[in-house]
Amino acid sequence: MELHGLCVSKGNATGIVKIINPNDKLEHYLSPTIIVMKKLDRKFLVEMDKSVVGVIAEEGNIGSHGAGILRQLNIPCILRIKNATQILVNNSKATIDGSKSIVKCQLSDEYLNISSSDSGSIAFSYLNITKKNFDIHDIQAINSWICPRPDRIYQELRYSIMCDVFASSGHYLFGLPEAKVKRNDQGAILIYGQPSIESVCSFLLCSPSWLIDKSKERTIEFNKIKLTLKSLESELITSNLSMIYGIFNTCIDLYRSIFKYSFTSQAISDDLIELYVDFCKQLGITTIKDISNLKSEYVKQCLNSKIDPGVSQRWNSQKILPHIWDGCINYTPLEIEPIIQNTINEKANHQILQRDYEAFRIIIPLVYQLSEEYFYVSSSINSFINWAIAMICNYINIKEGYNRDIDYYYNMSLFDFCPLVEKQLKKEIVYE
């Protein structure tokens, strides 16, 4: 049986199917193995040994961190195989053909009539966003409350650190009015006045050079952040509360400084890449080879260090001590795909298609790398903040005889946390 999905890491592989559930632990398999999961899970991907030769998942994006890891490891991966964890037979043989974005496999008896995946994932299409002319001043704000990532839950401390500066990103980049930010009952971010991703994408197709210029400006600032973090590394041996609190405050300022660039990467990367997939579909091309070559220097350095940032949005670092993930941005466009170019040449509207293709070739690899840069630099800052909070927690527990868990402080707003630490500092001065 052949199942069609989306190839996000090129190559072919044949192996024994192993269905992986979220609470499972990866094992060392004796035979070449293709693991199958609901969605790409970083904690599995960074622990894989050489027995894993391929990955299949029901959900996921080309620009996700998991897909980037697999590309760097040269492990073939097909996403968006609907109900893959149910329809594939555990311990059966399967083959991934990345060149055709298909999986050849044995199916459970009750699913023998399944023939394709559900690959739709964006709210708008290429035909909606392509415009003859679109200036930065044409970018619209969404004047209603939206929840961009309902599955991303923010602790009180992190939310109170980022909310004000997160609201200013659209203003800083595009001149829009300041947005409003709040959390819903589950802790996910709600935004009123966020830049319309659709109109941002329309602008970038017309002005890819803007993204190049903005990314170079951004990287200079991010490199300064990494230098500041490196200067703080020498202070990590301290047990002095004042110095620990100073590191905490420095890193809060660093963390806030990156949010004004959120709409140059994290907030738009998945949509832009999906739009390129849709652009190719409009041309009648369903297997896009160039996107399976997307690489990031940050992912490479992460794998070389064998230290993974972990689930940074919950600030639960997998390391006891802070770590700085490093990398750089490559501005090389996607190579011209002959099948895409030849198809464009045959179309009546080839001029607008050619313009957009040239823009996609520039912005797709760039926005993917910018997304990884954002993730790893923010994770670097977070690892220092995690360290400082853990040290403060231990310090106060020892001094005051408490037995508080670190979550006690994560669930506290910054406006309560800082006075608590400052009160402890005043006590230390009195004791001295």
Protein backbone atom coordinates (compact mmCIF):
# COMPACT_ATOMS: atom_id res chain seq x y z
CA MET A 1 0.00 0.00 0.00
CA GLU A 2 1.24 3.54 -0.77
CA LEU A 3 0.48 6.47 1.52
CA HIS A 4 1.16 10.02 0.36
CA GLY A 5 2.47 12.64 2.76
CA LEU A 6 4.93 15.54 2.84
CA CYS A 7 8.66 14.85 2.70
CA VAL A 8 10.53 17.20 5.06
CA SER A 9 13.86 15.35 5.14
CA LYS A 10 15.06 13.79 1.92
CA GLY A 11 16.20 10.23 1.28
CA ASN A 12 14.95 6.68 1.13
CA ALA A 13 14.81 4.14 3.94
CA THR A 14 13.49 0.66 4.62
CA GLY A 15 12.98 -0.65 8.13
CA ILE A 16 10.77 -2.26 10.73
CA VAL A 17 7.85 -0.13 11.93
CA LYS A 18 7.87 0.85 15.61
CA ILE A 19 4.84 2.83 16.84
CA ILE A 20 5.97 5.37 19.45
CA ASN A 21 3.54 6.79 22.03
CA PRO A 22 4.21 10.09 23.87
CA ASN A 23 5.26 8.40 27.14
CA ASP A 24 7.46 5.75 25.52
CA LYS A 25 11.23 5.74 25.71
CA LEU A 26 13.32 5.07 22.65
CA GLU A 27 15.20 1.82 22.64
CA HIS A 28 18.16 0.47 20.74
CA TYR A 29 16.68 -1.64 17.98
CA LEU A 30 18.51 -4.61 16.51
CA SER A 31 17.22 -4.00 12.98
CA PRO A 32 16.94 -0.81 10.87
CA THR A 33 13.84 0.88 12.25
CA ILE A 34 11.28 3.43 11.06
CA ILE A 35 9.61 5.09 14.03
CA VAL A 36 6.01 6.30 13.70
CA MET A 37 4.55 8.97 15.99
CA LYS A 38 1.66 11.40 16.29
CA LYS A 39 3.91 14.44 15.87
CA LEU A 40 7.62 15.08 15.75
CA ASP A 41 8.83 15.02 19.35
CA ARG A 42 12.22 16.57 20.07
CA LYS A 43 12.89 14.41 23.11
CA PHE A 44 12.74 11.31 20.92
CA LEU A 45 14.66 12.78 18.01
CA VAL A 46 17.68 13.89 20.05
CA GLU A 47 17.90 10.46 21.73
CA MET A 48 17.76 8.34 18.56
CA ASP A 49 20.63 5.99 17.86
CA LYS A 50 21.80 4.70 14.49
CA SER A 51 19.22 1.93 14.37
CA VAL A 52 16.57 4.55 13.42
CA VAL A 53 16.71 5.05 9.65
CA GLY A 54 13.44 6.91 9.05
CA VAL A 55 10.59 8.78 10.72
CA ILE A 56 6.87 9.01 9.92
CA ALA A 57 4.48 11.35 11.73
CA GLU A 58 0.80 12.26 11.49
CA GLU A 59 1.40 15.96 12.10
CA GLY A 60 4.18 18.50 11.75
CA ASN A 61 5.66 21.35 9.78
CA ILE A 62 8.61 21.63 7.43
CA GLY A 63 10.12 24.40 9.52
CA SER A 64 9.72 22.66 12.90
CA HIS A 65 12.76 22.07 15.10
CA GLY A 66 12.20 18.32 14.88
CA ALA A 67 12.26 18.36 11.07
CA GLY A 68 15.45 20.42 11.19
CA ILE A 69 17.12 17.84 13.42
CA LEU A 70 16.22 15.03 11.01
CA ARG A 71 17.52 16.97 8.01
CA GLN A 72 20.80 17.61 9.82
CA LEU A 73 21.06 13.89 10.67
CA ASN A 74 20.15 12.93 7.07
CA ILE A 75 17.27 10.77 8.31
CA PRO A 76 14.34 10.61 5.82
CA CYS A 77 11.03 11.85 7.19
CA ILE A 78 7.48 11.92 5.84
CA LEU A 79 4.85 13.97 7.69
CA ARG A 80 1.07 14.21 7.47
CA ILE A 81 0.24 10.55 7.04
CA LYS A 82 -3.26 10.63 8.48
CA ASN A 83 -3.76 8.18 11.39
CA ALA A 84 -0.29 6.71 10.81
CA THR A 85 -0.01 5.40 14.37
CA GLN A 86 -3.24 3.45 13.87
CA ILE A 87 -3.07 2.26 10.30
CA LEU A 88 0.55 1.08 10.12
CA VAL A 89 1.24 -2.38 11.54
CA ASN A 90 3.77 -2.51 14.38
CA ASN A 91 6.83 -4.68 13.57
CA SER A 92 5.90 -4.82 9.86
CA LYS A 93 8.20 -3.65 7.08
CA ALA A 94 7.89 -0.16 5.56
CA THR A 95 9.77 1.90 2.99
CA ILE A 96 10.08 5.69 2.81
CA ASP A 97 10.56 7.12 -0.68
CA GLY A 98 11.44 10.76 -0.13
CA SER A 99 11.67 11.57 -3.82
CA LYS A 100 7.95 10.80 -4.21
CA SER A 101 6.83 11.73 -0.65
CA ILE A 102 5.33 8.28 -0.18
CA VAL A 103 5.43 5.44 2.33
CA LYS A 104 5.08 1.85 1.11
CA CYS A 105 3.74 -0.25 3.95
CA GLN A 106 1.36 -2.87 5.28
CA LEU A 107 -1.89 -1.51 6.73
CA SER A 108 -4.15 -2.78 9.49
CA ASP A 109 -7.08 -4.70 7.97
CA GLU A 110 -9.69 -2.11 8.98
CA TYR A 111 -7.76 0.66 7.18
CA LEU A 112 -7.09 -0.98 3.83
CA ASN A 113 -9.12 1.68 2.00
CA ILE A 114 -7.00 4.58 3.27
CA SER A 115 -5.09 6.11 0.36
CA SER A 116 -3.84 9.58 1.24
CA SER A 117 -3.03 12.05 3.98
CA ASP A 118 -4.68 15.23 5.15
CA SER A 119 -2.02 17.79 4.29
CA GLY A 120 -3.92 21.06 4.61
CA SER A 121 -2.60 23.24 7.43
CA ILE A 122 -2.78 26.94 6.58
CA ALA A 123 -5.68 29.34 6.83
CA PHE A 124 -4.91 31.09 3.53
CA SER A 125 -3.43 30.13 0.18
CA TYR A 126 -0.86 31.45 -2.26
CA LEU A 127 -3.62 32.87 -4.46
CA ASN A 128 -4.85 34.92 -1.49
CA ILE A 129 -1.51 36.48 -0.68
CA THR A 130 0.10 37.19 -4.06
CA LYS A 131 -0.33 40.88 -4.96
CA LYS A 132 0.92 43.04 -7.81
CA ASN A 133 2.11 45.67 -5.33
CA PHE A 134 2.12 45.55 -1.54
CA ASP A 135 3.97 48.06 0.62
CA ILE A 136 4.88 47.85 4.31
CA HIS A 137 2.17 50.42 5.02
CA ASP A 138 -0.41 48.01 3.58
CA ILE A 139 0.19 45.51 6.39
CA GLN A 140 -2.99 45.21 8.45
CA ALA A 141 -3.59 44.66 12.15
CA ILE A 142 -6.20 42.13 13.26
CA ASN A 143 -8.58 44.08 15.46
CA SER A 144 -9.97 41.16 17.39
CA TRP A 145 -8.62 38.79 20.02
CA ILE A 146 -6.81 35.82 18.50
CA CYS A 147 -4.86 32.93 20.02
CA PRO A 148 -1.93 32.16 17.68
CA ARG A 149 -0.69 29.09 19.60
CA PRO A 150 -3.44 27.64 21.82
CA ASP A 151 -1.26 24.68 22.81
CA ARG A 152 1.59 26.85 24.15
CA ILE A 153 0.98 27.50 27.84
CA TYR A 154 2.88 30.31 29.55
CA GLN A 155 3.76 30.37 33.23
CA GLU A 156 2.89 33.52 35.12
CA LEU A 157 6.53 34.58 35.49
CA ARG A 158 7.35 34.26 31.81
CA TYR A 159 4.13 35.93 30.74
CA SER A 160 4.70 38.95 32.99
CA ILE A 161 8.23 39.33 31.60
CA MET A 162 7.24 39.26 27.93
CA CYS A 163 3.69 40.61 27.60
CA ASP A 164 4.47 44.33 27.16
CA VAL A 165 7.38 43.90 24.74
CA PHE A 166 5.60 41.17 22.77
CA ALA A 167 2.80 43.64 22.11
CA SER A 168 5.24 46.10 20.53
CA SER A 169 6.66 43.86 17.77
CA GLY A 170 4.16 44.94 15.09
CA HIS A 171 4.80 48.57 15.98
CA TYR A 172 8.59 48.20 15.85
CA LEU A 173 8.70 46.32 12.53
CA PHE A 174 5.74 47.69 10.58
CA GLY A 175 4.62 50.88 12.32
CA LEU A 176 1.31 49.40 13.50
CA PRO A 177 -0.38 50.54 16.74
CA GLU A 178 0.73 48.72 19.89
CA ALA A 179 -1.15 45.45 20.33
CA LYS A 180 -2.81 44.25 23.52
CA VAL A 181 -1.80 40.95 25.11
CA LYS A 182 -3.45 38.78 27.75
CA ARG A 183 -3.74 35.10 28.67
CA ASN A 184 -6.77 32.85 28.44
CA ASP A 185 -7.88 30.56 31.27
CA GLN A 186 -5.45 27.85 30.11
CA GLY A 187 -2.47 30.22 30.03
CA ALA A 188 -2.15 30.63 26.25
CA ILE A 189 -1.47 34.07 24.77
CA LEU A 190 -4.31 36.16 23.29
CA ILE A 191 -3.45 39.17 21.11
CA TYR A 192 -5.58 42.09 19.97
CA GLY A 193 -4.02 44.06 17.11
CA GLN A 194 -1.51 41.46 15.93
CA PRO A 195 -0.15 42.02 12.41
CA SER A 196 -2.09 39.96 9.89
CA ILE A 197 0.22 37.10 8.91
CA GLU A 198 -1.48 37.05 5.51
CA SER A 199 -0.56 40.69 4.83
CA VAL A 200 2.99 40.23 6.19
CA CYS A 201 3.45 37.36 3.72
CA SER A 202 2.07 39.51 0.88
CA PHE A 203 4.58 42.22 1.77
CA LEU A 204 7.54 39.82 1.92
CA LEU A 205 6.72 38.37 -1.51
CA CYS A 206 6.89 41.90 -2.91
CA SER A 207 9.91 42.97 -0.83
CA PRO A 208 12.19 40.05 0.08
CA SER A 209 15.13 42.48 0.40
CA TRP A 210 13.41 44.00 3.46
CA LEU A 211 13.70 40.66 5.25
CA ILE A 212 17.38 40.38 4.34
CA ASP A 213 18.12 43.85 5.73
CA LYS A 214 16.06 43.28 8.88
CA SER A 215 17.63 39.88 9.51
CA LYS A 216 21.15 41.33 9.30
CA GLU A 217 20.16 44.04 11.77
CA ARG A 218 18.64 41.40 14.02
CA THR A 219 21.64 39.07 13.90
CA ILE A 220 23.96 41.89 15.02
CA GLU A 221 21.76 42.34 18.08
CA PHE A 222 21.49 38.60 18.71
CA ASN A 223 25.27 38.23 18.51
CA LYS A 224 25.63 40.96 21.14
CA ILE A 225 23.21 38.98 23.32
CA LYS A 226 25.37 35.86 22.99
CA LEU A 227 28.49 37.87 23.89
CA THR A 228 26.73 39.20 26.99
CA LEU A 229 25.77 35.67 28.01
CA LYS A 230 29.36 34.51 27.52
CA SER A 231 30.53 37.29 29.81
CA LEU A 232 28.08 36.07 32.45
CA GLU A 233 29.42 32.51 32.34
CA SER A 234 32.38 33.46 34.53
CA GLU A 235 29.96 34.57 37.27
CA LEU A 236 28.05 31.28 37.48
CA ILE A 237 30.21 29.95 40.31
CA THR A 238 28.80 32.58 42.64
CA SER A 239 26.49 31.85 45.55
CA ASN A 240 26.03 35.56 46.29
CA LEU A 241 22.32 36.42 46.08
CA SER A 242 22.98 39.95 44.82
CA MET A 243 25.10 38.66 41.92
CA ILE A 244 22.58 35.93 41.08
CA TYR A 245 19.78 38.49 41.05
CA GLY A 246 21.91 40.76 38.85
CA ILE A 247 22.33 37.94 36.31
CA PHE A 248 18.58 37.35 36.44
CA ASN A 249 17.77 41.00 35.69
CA THR A 250 20.35 41.22 32.91
CA CYS A 251 18.84 38.17 31.23
CA ILE A 252 15.31 39.54 31.60
CA ASP A 253 16.41 42.59 29.62
CA LEU A 254 18.03 40.35 26.99
CA TYR A 255 14.93 38.18 26.76
CA ARG A 256 12.70 41.19 26.28
CA SER A 257 14.98 42.63 23.61
CA ILE A 258 14.40 39.73 21.18
CA PHE A 259 10.60 40.00 21.12
CA LYS A 260 10.49 42.99 18.81
CA TYR A 261 11.73 40.64 16.07
CA SER A 262 9.15 37.90 16.55
CA PHE A 263 7.36 38.69 13.26
CA THR A 264 10.53 38.15 11.25
CA SER A 265 10.73 34.45 12.14
CA GLN A 266 8.78 32.39 14.67
CA ALA A 267 5.41 34.00 14.00
CA ILE A 268 5.57 33.69 10.22
CA SER A 269 7.97 30.88 9.32
CA ASP A 270 5.51 27.97 9.23
CA ASP A 271 2.96 29.95 7.22
CA LEU A 272 5.51 31.16 4.68
CA ILE A 273 6.89 27.68 4.11
CA GLU A 274 3.38 26.26 3.78
CA LEU A 275 2.58 29.01 1.26
CA TYR A 276 5.54 27.90 -0.82
CA VAL A 277 4.18 24.35 -0.77
CA ASP A 278 0.82 25.74 -1.90
CA PHE A 279 2.53 27.80 -4.63
CA CYS A 280 4.04 24.58 -6.00
CA LYS A 281 0.67 22.83 -5.79
CA GLN A 282 -0.86 25.62 -7.87
CA LEU A 283 1.73 24.69 -10.50
CA GLY A 284 0.71 21.03 -10.26
CA ILE A 285 3.88 20.03 -8.35
CA THR A 286 3.30 17.99 -5.17
CA THR A 287 6.82 16.79 -4.37
CA ILE A 288 9.12 19.73 -3.60
CA LYS A 289 12.73 18.63 -3.30
CA ASP A 290 14.32 21.91 -2.22
CA ILE A 291 12.44 22.27 1.08
CA SER A 292 13.78 18.91 2.23
CA ASN A 293 17.27 20.47 2.05
CA LEU A 294 16.61 23.30 4.53
CA LYS A 295 19.46 23.42 7.06
CA SER A 296 20.43 25.56 10.05
CA GLU A 297 23.84 26.15 11.61
CA TYR A 298 22.12 26.37 15.01
CA VAL A 299 20.71 22.85 14.65
CA LYS A 300 24.14 21.57 13.59
CA GLN A 301 25.82 23.10 16.63
CA CYS A 302 23.07 21.75 18.90
CA LEU A 303 23.68 18.21 17.64
CA ASN A 304 27.46 18.63 17.85
CA SER A 305 27.19 19.72 21.49
CA LYS A 306 24.73 16.87 22.24
CA ILE A 307 22.82 19.38 24.38
CA ASP A 308 19.20 20.02 23.45
CA PRO A 309 17.36 23.19 24.55
CA GLY A 310 14.40 21.12 25.70
CA VAL A 311 10.92 22.56 26.09
CA SER A 312 11.92 26.19 26.44
CA GLN A 313 8.38 27.57 26.50
CA ARG A 314 7.92 26.05 29.98
CA TRP A 315 11.39 27.04 31.09
CA ASN A 316 12.18 23.51 32.24
CA SER A 317 15.81 23.29 31.24
CA GLN A 318 17.36 19.87 30.71
CA LYS A 319 20.69 21.26 31.91
CA ILE A 320 21.70 22.20 35.43
CA LEU A 321 24.07 24.90 34.19
CA PRO A 322 23.32 27.45 31.45
CA HIS A 323 24.41 26.84 27.87
CA ILE A 324 24.78 29.08 24.82
CA TRP A 325 23.72 27.56 21.51
CA ASP A 326 25.61 29.22 18.67
CA GLY A 327 25.19 29.54 14.93
CA CYS A 328 25.07 31.90 11.97
CA ILE A 329 22.71 32.80 9.12
CA ASN A 330 23.42 31.75 5.53
CA TYR A 331 21.82 33.98 2.87
CA THR A 332 22.06 31.49 -0.01
CA PRO A 333 18.69 31.18 -1.83
CA LEU A 334 17.10 27.86 -2.71
CA GLU A 335 18.51 26.41 -5.91
CA ILE A 336 16.32 26.69 -8.99
CA GLU A 337 14.24 23.54 -9.42
CA PRO A 338 14.04 22.84 -13.18
CA ILE A 339 10.53 21.35 -12.95
CA ILE A 340 9.24 24.46 -11.16
CA GLN A 341 11.03 26.86 -13.52
CA ASN A 342 9.88 25.04 -16.65
CA THR A 343 6.28 24.96 -15.44
CA ILE A 344 6.34 28.71 -14.70
CA ASN A 345 7.68 29.43 -18.19
CA GLU A 346 4.66 27.69 -19.71
CA LYS A 347 2.07 29.73 -17.75
CA ALA A 348 0.26 32.78 -19.13
CA ASN A 349 0.90 34.70 -15.90
CA HIS A 350 4.57 33.68 -15.85
CA GLN A 351 5.84 37.16 -14.92
CA ILE A 352 4.07 37.34 -11.56
CA LEU A 353 4.82 33.65 -10.90
CA GLN A 354 8.49 34.24 -11.68
CA ARG A 355 8.65 37.24 -9.34
CA ASP A 356 7.08 35.24 -6.51
CA TYR A 357 9.30 32.22 -7.17
CA GLU A 358 12.40 34.40 -6.89
CA ALA A 359 11.04 35.84 -3.63
CA PHE A 360 10.24 32.40 -2.22
CA ARG A 361 13.74 31.19 -3.08
CA ILE A 362 15.17 34.00 -0.94
CA ILE A 363 12.80 34.11 2.00
CA ILE A 364 12.09 30.39 2.58
CA PRO A 365 15.63 29.34 3.63
CA LEU A 366 16.13 32.68 5.37
CA VAL A 367 12.96 32.67 7.49
CA TYR A 368 13.61 29.04 8.47
CA GLN A 369 17.10 29.91 9.71
CA LEU A 370 15.80 33.03 11.46
CA SER A 371 13.25 30.88 13.25
CA GLU A 372 15.99 28.56 14.50
CA GLU A 373 18.18 31.52 15.48
CA TYR A 374 15.29 32.93 17.49
CA PHE A 375 14.61 29.59 19.18
CA TYR A 376 18.21 28.88 20.16
CA VAL A 377 19.08 32.41 21.30
CA SER A 378 15.90 32.62 23.40
CA SER A 379 16.65 29.16 24.80
CA SER A 380 20.17 30.32 25.68
CA ILE A 381 18.75 33.26 27.63
CA ASN A 382 16.13 31.01 29.23
CA SER A 383 18.79 28.59 30.45
CA PHE A 384 20.46 31.42 32.39
CA ILE A 385 17.11 32.58 33.77
CA ASN A 386 16.31 29.00 34.82
CA TRP A 387 19.64 28.78 36.60
CA ALA A 388 19.08 32.07 38.42
CA ILE A 389 15.57 31.12 39.57
CA ALA A 390 16.79 27.71 40.77
CA MET A 391 19.66 29.36 42.69
CA ILE A 392 17.31 31.94 44.24
CA CYS A 393 14.87 29.18 45.21
CA ASN A 394 17.61 27.15 46.91
CA TYR A 395 19.08 30.22 48.60
CA ILE A 396 15.79 31.32 50.15
CA ASN A 397 14.90 27.76 51.15
CA ILE A 398 18.18 27.43 53.04
CA LYS A 399 18.10 30.89 54.64
CA GLU A 400 14.42 30.81 55.64
CA GLY A 401 13.97 27.07 56.25
CA TYR A 402 11.41 26.74 53.46
CA ASN A 403 10.79 23.69 51.27
CA ARG A 404 9.44 25.48 48.22
CA ASP A 405 9.55 23.90 44.79
CA ILE A 406 10.88 26.01 41.91
CA ASP A 407 7.36 26.07 40.40
CA TYR A 408 6.36 28.27 43.33
CA TYR A 409 8.41 31.04 41.70
CA TYR A 410 7.52 30.20 38.09
CA ASN A 411 3.86 30.65 39.00
CA MET A 412 4.54 34.05 40.54
CA SER A 413 4.37 37.26 38.51
CA LEU A 414 7.55 39.25 38.01
CA PHE A 415 5.99 42.05 40.02
CA ASP A 416 5.74 39.73 43.03
CA PHE A 417 8.97 37.82 42.45
CA CYS A 418 11.31 40.83 42.33
CA PRO A 419 10.10 42.42 45.60
CA LEU A 420 10.42 39.01 47.30
CA VAL A 421 14.08 38.71 46.25
CA GLU A 422 14.79 42.36 47.09
CA LYS A 423 13.28 41.84 50.54
CA GLN A 424 15.68 38.93 51.05
CA LEU A 425 18.58 41.12 49.90
CA LYS A 426 17.66 43.76 52.49
CA LYS A 427 17.72 41.09 55.17
CA GLU A 428 21.24 40.10 54.10
CA ILE A 429 22.40 43.71 54.44
CA VAL A 430 20.94 43.88 57.96
CA TYR A 431 22.63 40.57 58.89
CA GLU A 432 25.97 41.90 57.66
